[in-house]
Amino acid sequence: GQEVYAGSLNYNGTLTLRVTAAGTGTLLDEVERLLESAATAKSRYVQLADRVARAYAPMVHTAAALTALTWIATGSSVHDALITAISVLIITCPCARALAVPVVQMVASGALFRAGIFLNAGDAFERLAKIDTIVFDKTGTLTLPAMSVVNAGEIAPDLLEAASRLALSSHHPLAAAVARNAHDRRPYEHAVEEPGQGVRAVVDGVEMRLGSPVFCDAETMARGAAKNDPTASLIAFSWGGKRAVLLVRQALRPDAVAVVRSLRERGFDCRILSGDRPEAVAPVADALGIGLWRGGCKPADKIAMLDTLKSEGRKVLMVGDGLNDAPALAAAHVSLSPISAADLTQAQADAVFLGDRLEPVQEAIGIARRAHALMRQILGIALVYNLIAVPLAFLGYVTPLIAALAMSGSSALVTLNALRARGRAPAVEPDAAH
């Protein structure tokens, strides 16, 4: 009775499937339609420096032309009028948009690179700087992409090692999680895998089995383990008269609790939208202290929630890794994905981060806000400079040589200021960028 989406991988065993949707009715086609819709609805975000640049050239040339005409109209020679107009052209400061702002972006990109973050979009800095809400996917985003045995410390070392070595002979995803605990990476000889049941081998005349509780005659132990941890997947192990039940699931990223707590303390509204079962999402949300969460979300559900947040005036950062997250990443104000994400998902994200930790999300926000603040500061310095320098040049108090020196000095000043973007970004609150 369960749905299996087109494109899913069956690692072992046999499935009997009934086709309920084909062609345009599959999940993959729905994802493609949502991506196209999100790309159309999301207007191009123009960078701050580009917006300033649109007005800069017309204003400068108009000012120079007015200078020349004014001087001629007041009885000055054409030569003096042109010299004064040239001084106005030279002294105006293009460095903020032509040099310093790109330097900020380059230096900040280097800081992101050192933090293990790679940009896909050049305007991500400006959009990241304005977020106030962060929506996380659960599986593979808040949790590690690979499964692990969460109760390994409660199992006798010899049993865990034997189970892990036997798991090396299985192709099942749960067995792969168990196999990571094997110190001896040599599979047992003559191991046999029984599809849908598990794997077995005879070692020193004693049979060992790894697989379903029924296959390992460990049903009673499995029921007790399932009652204590209903969100975990179970895999049983038997070795002669010894039994063990291993609990397998995706563990939280090692710093997820600390990072989410830090983000919440700074005023960010953190939420979870997951395609996983609600009963699997609940304990993760509880562990992270996130009160607003939803499980069982399809791609369209995530986009609908993002649209609702957008209508409330929120700027949302979406962090996700699954194929079903790709449309939401494209629709969000700005988006991040881990390097373990699906290729399509990485392509839709504005930035991709490396490693098993969630800290790069916090680093990206801090660095982007520092860069955005510096860009605004540089443009402010340039504005003040021009408000003082241009009138002086217009009145004829500045020669072309002095204008060149003033322009060079201002360029050096704002460029040196731009290099401050290389420093570690301080913690900021959501309203700091507005």
Protein backbone atom coordinates (compact mmCIF):
# COMPACT_ATOMS: atom_id res chain seq x y z
CA GLY A 1 0.00 0.00 0.00
CA GLN A 2 2.98 2.35 0.10
CA GLU A 3 3.91 4.74 -2.71
CA VAL A 4 7.18 4.17 -4.57
CA TYR A 5 8.30 7.15 -6.63
CA ALA A 6 9.72 6.81 -10.14
CA GLY A 7 13.50 7.12 -9.89
CA SER A 8 13.78 5.29 -6.55
CA LEU A 9 16.51 2.67 -6.15
CA ASN A 10 15.85 -0.86 -4.92
CA TYR A 11 19.12 -2.15 -3.46
CA ASN A 12 18.11 -5.79 -2.98
CA GLY A 13 15.11 -8.06 -2.83
CA THR A 14 12.08 -8.13 -5.10
CA LEU A 15 9.26 -5.59 -5.27
CA THR A 16 5.85 -6.09 -6.82
CA LEU A 17 4.70 -2.72 -8.16
CA ARG A 18 1.38 -1.42 -9.48
CA VAL A 19 1.67 1.62 -11.75
CA THR A 20 -0.64 4.41 -10.54
CA ALA A 21 0.97 7.30 -12.47
CA ALA A 22 3.09 7.52 -15.59
CA GLY A 23 4.59 10.24 -17.75
CA THR A 24 3.32 13.59 -16.52
CA GLY A 25 1.90 12.08 -13.35
CA THR A 26 5.19 11.11 -11.70
CA LEU A 27 6.94 12.92 -8.86
CA LEU A 28 9.89 13.71 -11.13
CA ASP A 29 7.58 15.50 -13.55
CA GLU A 30 5.94 17.39 -10.68
CA VAL A 31 9.37 18.53 -9.46
CA GLU A 32 10.22 19.74 -12.97
CA ARG A 33 6.96 21.71 -13.26
CA LEU A 34 7.48 23.31 -9.84
CA LEU A 35 11.04 24.26 -10.74
CA GLU A 36 9.87 26.00 -13.92
CA SER A 37 7.17 27.83 -11.99
CA ALA A 38 9.60 28.93 -9.26
CA ALA A 39 12.13 30.18 -11.81
CA THR A 40 9.42 32.25 -13.52
CA ALA A 41 7.98 33.69 -10.31
CA LYS A 42 11.34 34.58 -8.75
CA SER A 43 12.33 37.96 -10.15
CA ARG A 44 15.98 38.68 -10.80
CA TYR A 45 17.56 40.29 -7.77
CA VAL A 46 19.79 43.20 -8.78
CA GLN A 47 22.86 43.80 -6.65
CA LEU A 48 23.17 47.01 -4.66
CA ALA A 49 26.20 48.19 -6.61
CA ASP A 50 24.43 47.57 -9.91
CA ARG A 51 21.48 49.70 -8.83
CA VAL A 52 23.83 52.54 -7.91
CA ALA A 53 25.72 52.11 -11.20
CA ARG A 54 22.55 52.64 -13.23
CA ALA A 55 22.26 56.20 -11.95
CA TYR A 56 25.98 56.93 -11.68
CA ALA A 57 27.05 57.36 -15.33
CA PRO A 58 24.16 59.62 -16.41
CA MET A 59 24.57 61.81 -13.34
CA VAL A 60 28.35 62.25 -13.78
CA HIS A 61 28.14 63.10 -17.46
CA THR A 62 25.22 65.44 -16.88
CA ALA A 63 27.16 67.22 -14.12
CA ALA A 64 30.20 67.65 -16.40
CA ALA A 65 28.06 68.96 -19.26
CA LEU A 66 26.25 71.42 -16.97
CA THR A 67 29.60 72.59 -15.61
CA ALA A 68 30.92 73.38 -19.08
CA LEU A 69 27.70 75.10 -20.16
CA THR A 70 27.50 77.12 -16.93
CA TRP A 71 31.07 78.38 -17.24
CA ILE A 72 30.57 79.32 -20.89
CA ALA A 73 27.29 81.04 -20.05
CA THR A 74 28.98 83.13 -17.36
CA GLY A 75 31.58 84.43 -19.78
CA SER A 76 34.48 81.97 -19.34
CA SER A 77 36.48 80.70 -22.27
CA VAL A 78 35.78 77.34 -23.82
CA HIS A 79 39.23 76.21 -22.63
CA ASP A 80 38.53 77.06 -18.98
CA ALA A 81 35.05 75.56 -19.20
CA LEU A 82 36.42 72.27 -20.58
CA ILE A 83 39.22 72.14 -17.98
CA THR A 84 36.68 72.58 -15.19
CA ALA A 85 34.34 69.98 -16.72
CA ILE A 86 37.26 67.53 -16.99
CA SER A 87 38.08 68.13 -13.30
CA VAL A 88 34.47 67.27 -12.44
CA LEU A 89 34.69 64.07 -14.48
CA ILE A 90 37.99 63.03 -12.88
CA ILE A 91 37.13 63.82 -9.27
CA THR A 92 33.88 61.88 -9.23
CA CYS A 93 34.55 58.55 -7.55
CA PRO A 94 33.70 55.40 -9.54
CA CYS A 95 35.75 53.20 -7.22
CA ALA A 96 32.82 52.23 -5.01
CA ARG A 97 31.00 50.41 -7.79
CA ALA A 98 33.89 49.62 -10.14
CA LEU A 99 36.51 48.48 -7.64
CA ALA A 100 35.68 48.40 -3.94
CA VAL A 101 32.33 46.57 -4.10
CA PRO A 102 33.75 43.75 -6.28
CA VAL A 103 36.71 43.58 -3.88
CA VAL A 104 34.30 43.09 -0.97
CA GLN A 105 32.56 40.33 -2.90
CA MET A 106 35.85 38.65 -3.80
CA VAL A 107 37.25 38.83 -0.26
CA ALA A 108 33.98 37.63 1.25
CA SER A 109 33.85 34.78 -1.28
CA GLY A 110 37.32 33.78 -0.08
CA ALA A 111 36.09 33.83 3.52
CA LEU A 112 33.17 31.60 2.53
CA PHE A 113 35.54 29.26 0.68
CA ARG A 114 37.69 28.92 3.82
CA ALA A 115 34.50 28.11 5.73
CA GLY A 116 33.69 25.34 3.23
CA ILE A 117 30.96 27.24 1.36
CA PHE A 118 30.82 27.58 -2.44
CA LEU A 119 28.62 30.21 -4.11
CA ASN A 120 26.43 29.43 -7.10
CA ALA A 121 24.91 32.93 -7.30
CA GLY A 122 26.80 36.22 -7.18
CA ASP A 123 23.89 38.10 -5.61
CA ALA A 124 23.55 35.59 -2.75
CA PHE A 125 25.41 37.99 -0.42
CA GLU A 126 22.72 40.62 -0.60
CA ARG A 127 19.86 38.14 -0.24
CA LEU A 128 21.49 36.25 2.63
CA ALA A 129 22.04 39.50 4.49
CA LYS A 130 18.29 40.15 4.71
CA ILE A 131 16.87 36.82 5.89
CA ASP A 132 14.81 36.56 9.07
CA THR A 133 13.43 33.02 8.73
CA ILE A 134 15.28 29.72 8.20
CA VAL A 135 13.46 26.62 6.97
CA PHE A 136 15.32 23.31 7.25
CA ASP A 137 14.66 19.97 5.64
CA LYS A 138 15.27 17.13 8.09
CA THR A 139 16.70 14.05 6.40
CA GLY A 140 20.24 14.65 5.16
CA THR A 141 20.17 18.31 6.21
CA LEU A 142 19.69 18.45 9.96
CA THR A 143 20.76 14.81 10.07
CA LEU A 144 23.85 13.23 8.56
CA PRO A 145 23.26 11.75 5.10
CA ALA A 146 24.60 8.34 6.12
CA MET A 147 22.84 6.10 8.64
CA SER A 148 24.63 4.90 11.76
CA VAL A 149 24.09 2.49 14.66
CA VAL A 150 22.87 4.78 17.44
CA ASN A 151 23.07 2.18 20.22
CA ALA A 152 26.53 0.83 19.31
CA GLY A 153 27.85 1.71 22.79
CA GLU A 154 25.21 -0.52 24.44
CA ILE A 155 26.19 -3.67 22.50
CA ALA A 156 29.00 -6.00 23.58
CA PRO A 157 32.13 -5.20 21.54
CA ASP A 158 32.56 -8.77 20.28
CA LEU A 159 28.93 -8.95 19.10
CA LEU A 160 29.15 -5.55 17.40
CA GLU A 161 32.39 -6.49 15.61
CA ALA A 162 30.98 -9.84 14.45
CA ALA A 163 27.74 -8.21 13.23
CA SER A 164 29.71 -5.49 11.45
CA ARG A 165 31.94 -7.99 9.64
CA LEU A 166 28.92 -10.03 8.58
CA ALA A 167 27.25 -6.84 7.32
CA LEU A 168 30.12 -6.40 4.85
CA SER A 169 28.56 -9.24 2.81
CA SER A 170 25.16 -7.53 2.50
CA HIS A 171 23.94 -4.91 0.02
CA HIS A 172 21.14 -3.64 2.26
CA PRO A 173 21.35 0.06 3.31
CA LEU A 174 20.84 -0.82 6.98
CA ALA A 175 23.62 -3.40 6.77
CA ALA A 176 25.87 -0.74 5.25
CA ALA A 177 25.32 1.39 8.37
CA VAL A 178 26.30 -1.58 10.58
CA ALA A 179 29.34 -2.40 8.43
CA ARG A 180 30.91 1.00 9.18
CA ASN A 181 31.62 -0.22 12.70
CA ALA A 182 33.85 -3.11 11.52
CA HIS A 183 37.49 -2.79 12.51
CA ASP A 184 38.40 -5.90 10.53
CA ARG A 185 37.26 -5.15 6.98
CA ARG A 186 37.53 -8.76 5.76
CA PRO A 187 34.07 -10.29 5.04
CA TYR A 188 33.36 -13.75 6.40
CA GLU A 189 33.83 -16.53 3.86
CA HIS A 190 30.83 -18.30 2.34
CA ALA A 191 28.35 -15.70 3.61
CA VAL A 192 24.95 -16.05 1.96
CA GLU A 193 22.43 -13.23 1.57
CA GLU A 194 18.76 -14.18 1.52
CA PRO A 195 16.69 -11.43 -0.18
CA GLY A 196 14.17 -9.84 2.15
CA GLN A 197 15.58 -11.68 5.19
CA GLY A 198 19.23 -10.98 5.82
CA VAL A 199 22.70 -12.50 5.55
CA ARG A 200 24.11 -15.59 7.27
CA ALA A 201 27.44 -17.35 7.62
CA VAL A 202 28.95 -20.21 9.61
CA VAL A 203 32.04 -19.19 11.58
CA ASP A 204 33.98 -21.77 13.61
CA GLY A 205 31.03 -24.14 13.37
CA VAL A 206 28.54 -21.60 14.76
CA GLU A 207 25.96 -19.89 12.56
CA MET A 208 25.55 -16.14 12.74
CA ARG A 209 22.74 -14.17 11.17
CA LEU A 210 22.11 -10.48 10.51
CA GLY A 211 18.77 -9.22 9.26
CA SER A 212 15.13 -9.08 10.25
CA PRO A 213 14.14 -10.00 13.85
CA VAL A 214 12.24 -13.02 12.55
CA PHE A 215 15.26 -14.19 10.55
CA CYS A 216 17.44 -13.91 13.67
CA ASP A 217 14.84 -15.27 16.15
CA ALA A 218 14.95 -11.98 18.09
CA GLU A 219 11.33 -10.78 17.86
CA THR A 220 10.82 -10.27 21.58
CA MET A 221 14.01 -8.24 21.92
CA ALA A 222 13.09 -6.24 18.82
CA ARG A 223 9.63 -5.36 20.18
CA GLY A 224 11.22 -3.98 23.34
CA ALA A 225 13.75 -1.95 21.34
CA ALA A 226 11.04 -0.59 19.04
CA LYS A 227 8.97 0.49 22.04
CA ASN A 228 11.90 2.42 23.52
CA ASP A 229 12.88 4.05 20.20
CA PRO A 230 9.99 3.97 17.71
CA THR A 231 11.74 6.22 15.16
CA ALA A 232 14.72 3.93 14.56
CA SER A 233 15.01 1.12 12.03
CA LEU A 234 15.86 -2.27 13.52
CA ILE A 235 18.34 -4.89 12.39
CA ALA A 236 18.89 -8.01 14.47
CA PHE A 237 21.96 -10.18 14.97
CA SER A 238 22.27 -13.73 16.30
CA TRP A 239 25.43 -15.70 17.02
CA GLY A 240 24.66 -19.10 18.43
CA GLY A 241 22.71 -18.31 21.61
CA LYS A 242 23.64 -14.62 21.66
CA ARG A 243 21.25 -11.97 20.39
CA ALA A 244 21.44 -8.22 19.78
CA VAL A 245 19.19 -5.63 18.18
CA LEU A 246 20.88 -2.70 16.50
CA LEU A 247 19.04 0.62 16.16
CA VAL A 248 19.86 2.36 12.89
CA ARG A 249 18.93 5.87 11.84
CA GLN A 250 20.40 9.10 10.59
CA ALA A 251 21.96 10.91 13.53
CA LEU A 252 21.77 14.68 13.92
CA ARG A 253 24.72 16.61 12.56
CA PRO A 254 27.18 16.92 15.45
CA ASP A 255 26.68 20.67 15.94
CA ALA A 256 23.02 20.89 14.87
CA VAL A 257 21.68 21.52 18.39
CA ALA A 258 24.23 24.25 19.14
CA VAL A 259 23.84 25.99 15.74
CA VAL A 260 20.03 26.01 15.79
CA ARG A 261 20.03 27.24 19.38
CA SER A 262 22.44 30.04 18.44
CA LEU A 263 20.31 31.05 15.45
CA ARG A 264 17.15 31.07 17.55
CA GLU A 265 18.82 33.14 20.29
CA ARG A 266 19.69 35.74 17.65
CA GLY A 267 16.07 36.06 16.69
CA PHE A 268 15.83 33.90 13.58
CA ASP A 269 12.57 32.00 13.15
CA CYS A 270 13.69 28.40 12.59
CA ARG A 271 11.30 25.81 11.15
CA ILE A 272 11.36 22.28 9.71
CA LEU A 273 9.55 21.16 6.55
CA SER A 274 10.24 17.49 5.87
CA GLY A 275 8.93 14.82 3.56
CA ASP A 276 9.58 12.24 6.29
CA ARG A 277 6.88 10.82 8.53
CA PRO A 278 5.65 13.23 11.27
CA GLU A 279 6.58 10.71 13.98
CA ALA A 280 10.17 10.75 12.66
CA VAL A 281 10.30 14.56 12.48
CA ALA A 282 8.90 15.17 15.97
CA PRO A 283 11.90 13.94 18.01
CA VAL A 284 14.33 15.91 15.81
CA ALA A 285 12.30 19.10 16.24
CA ASP A 286 12.12 18.47 19.98
CA ALA A 287 15.88 17.91 20.25
CA LEU A 288 16.56 21.17 18.39
CA GLY A 289 13.92 23.17 20.26
CA ILE A 290 12.01 23.97 17.05
CA GLY A 291 8.31 24.38 17.75
CA LEU A 292 7.10 24.98 14.18
CA TRP A 293 7.55 21.88 12.04
CA ARG A 294 5.68 19.75 9.57
CA GLY A 295 6.20 16.23 8.26
CA GLY A 296 4.91 14.37 5.22
CA CYS A 297 5.45 17.39 2.95
CA LYS A 298 5.47 16.99 -0.81
CA PRO A 299 7.34 19.50 -3.01
CA ALA A 300 4.16 21.52 -3.61
CA ASP A 301 3.48 21.66 0.14
CA LYS A 302 6.90 23.18 0.79
CA ILE A 303 6.43 25.82 -1.90
CA ALA A 304 2.97 26.65 -0.52
CA MET A 305 4.47 27.21 2.94
CA LEU A 306 7.24 29.40 1.49
CA ASP A 307 4.62 31.43 -0.38
CA THR A 308 2.71 31.91 2.87
CA LEU A 309 5.85 33.15 4.63
CA LYS A 310 6.61 35.45 1.70
CA SER A 311 3.11 36.93 1.89
CA GLU A 312 3.83 37.73 5.55
CA GLY A 313 6.82 39.79 4.44
CA ARG A 314 9.42 37.26 5.55
CA LYS A 315 12.77 36.66 3.84
CA VAL A 316 13.33 32.91 3.96
CA LEU A 317 16.55 30.92 3.80
CA MET A 318 15.78 27.35 2.71
CA VAL A 319 18.29 24.63 3.58
CA GLY A 320 17.69 21.24 1.98
CA ASP A 321 19.29 18.32 0.19
CA GLY A 322 16.67 16.02 -1.32
CA LEU A 323 15.26 15.91 -4.83
CA ASN A 324 11.90 17.03 -3.39
CA ASP A 325 13.65 20.11 -1.92
CA ALA A 326 14.83 21.43 -5.31
CA PRO A 327 11.65 23.41 -6.12
CA ALA A 328 11.60 24.93 -2.61
CA LEU A 329 15.25 25.95 -2.93
CA ALA A 330 14.47 27.65 -6.23
CA ALA A 331 11.42 29.43 -4.77
CA ALA A 332 13.02 30.63 -1.51
CA HIS A 333 14.51 34.10 -1.09
CA VAL A 334 17.92 32.41 -0.80
CA SER A 335 18.98 28.78 -0.40
CA LEU A 336 21.78 26.50 0.78
CA SER A 337 22.37 22.78 0.36
CA PRO A 338 25.00 20.35 1.67
CA ILE A 339 27.51 18.85 -0.75
CA SER A 340 25.83 15.45 -0.23
CA ALA A 341 22.62 16.77 -1.82
CA ALA A 342 21.21 15.46 -5.09
CA ASP A 343 22.80 17.03 -8.18
CA LEU A 344 19.58 18.80 -9.18
CA THR A 345 19.21 20.20 -5.66
CA GLN A 346 22.78 21.55 -5.62
CA ALA A 347 22.14 23.21 -8.98
CA GLN A 348 19.12 25.10 -7.57
CA ALA A 349 20.88 26.23 -4.36
CA ASP A 350 22.54 29.64 -4.15
CA ALA A 351 25.42 28.09 -2.20
CA VAL A 352 26.69 24.61 -1.28
CA PHE A 353 28.52 23.75 1.94
CA LEU A 354 30.98 20.97 2.75
CA GLY A 355 31.37 18.66 5.72
CA ASP A 356 29.18 16.98 8.32
CA ARG A 357 28.59 20.12 10.40
CA LEU A 358 25.79 22.70 10.20
CA GLU A 359 28.07 25.60 11.21
CA PRO A 360 28.57 26.72 7.56
CA VAL A 361 24.92 27.87 7.52
CA GLN A 362 25.62 30.25 10.38
CA GLU A 363 28.97 31.28 8.85
CA ALA A 364 27.33 32.07 5.51
CA ILE A 365 24.79 34.38 7.14
CA GLY A 366 27.45 36.19 9.19
CA ILE A 367 29.88 36.66 6.31
CA ALA A 368 27.13 37.82 3.95
CA ARG A 369 25.90 40.40 6.44
CA ARG A 370 29.39 41.70 7.05
CA ALA A 371 29.97 41.98 3.29
CA HIS A 372 26.64 43.70 2.73
CA ALA A 373 27.32 46.19 5.54
CA LEU A 374 30.73 46.99 4.04
CA MET A 375 29.20 47.49 0.58
CA ARG A 376 26.70 49.96 2.00
CA GLN A 377 29.44 51.68 3.99
CA ILE A 378 31.65 52.03 0.91
CA LEU A 379 28.80 53.47 -1.13
CA GLY A 380 28.10 55.88 1.73
CA ILE A 381 31.74 57.04 1.82
CA ALA A 382 31.67 57.53 -1.94
CA LEU A 383 28.45 59.55 -1.71
CA VAL A 384 29.85 61.88 0.99
CA TYR A 385 33.09 62.27 -0.96
CA ASN A 386 31.23 63.24 -4.13
CA LEU A 387 28.92 65.65 -2.29
CA ILE A 388 32.01 67.55 -1.11
CA ALA A 389 34.39 67.12 -4.05
CA VAL A 390 32.08 67.70 -7.00
CA PRO A 391 30.87 71.18 -5.88
CA LEU A 392 34.49 72.24 -5.30
CA ALA A 393 35.43 71.06 -8.79
CA PHE A 394 32.33 72.73 -10.25
CA LEU A 395 33.37 76.07 -8.74
CA GLY A 396 36.84 75.75 -10.25
CA TYR A 397 38.81 75.23 -7.05
CA VAL A 398 40.20 71.88 -8.25
CA THR A 399 42.60 71.32 -11.13
CA PRO A 400 42.65 68.03 -13.08
CA LEU A 401 45.87 67.03 -11.23
CA ILE A 402 44.35 67.63 -7.79
CA ALA A 403 41.18 65.85 -8.94
CA ALA A 404 43.24 62.81 -9.98
CA LEU A 405 45.03 62.75 -6.60
CA ALA A 406 41.73 63.06 -4.71
CA MET A 407 40.11 60.32 -6.75
CA SER A 408 43.11 58.00 -6.26
CA GLY A 409 43.14 58.67 -2.54
CA SER A 410 39.43 57.89 -2.20
CA SER A 411 39.89 54.72 -4.24
CA ALA A 412 42.66 53.55 -1.91
CA LEU A 413 40.54 54.36 1.15
CA VAL A 414 37.45 52.42 0.11
CA THR A 415 39.51 49.50 -1.23
CA LEU A 416 41.39 49.14 2.06
CA ASN A 417 38.05 49.29 3.83
CA ALA A 418 36.76 46.54 1.54
CA LEU A 419 39.56 44.22 2.67
CA ARG A 420 37.95 44.13 6.12
CA ALA A 421 35.55 41.57 4.67
CA ARG A 422 38.23 38.93 5.16
CA GLY A 423 37.75 39.00 8.95
CA ARG A 424 35.52 36.57 10.81
CA ALA A 425 31.94 37.76 10.70
CA PRO A 426 30.48 38.80 14.06
CA ALA A 427 27.21 37.41 15.32
CA VAL A 428 24.32 39.64 14.22
CA GLU A 429 20.62 39.72 14.77
CA PRO A 430 18.03 39.47 11.98
CA ASP A 431 17.18 43.18 12.03
CA ALA A 432 20.79 44.33 11.76
CA ALA A 433 20.76 44.37 7.95
CA HIS A 434 17.56 46.41 7.55
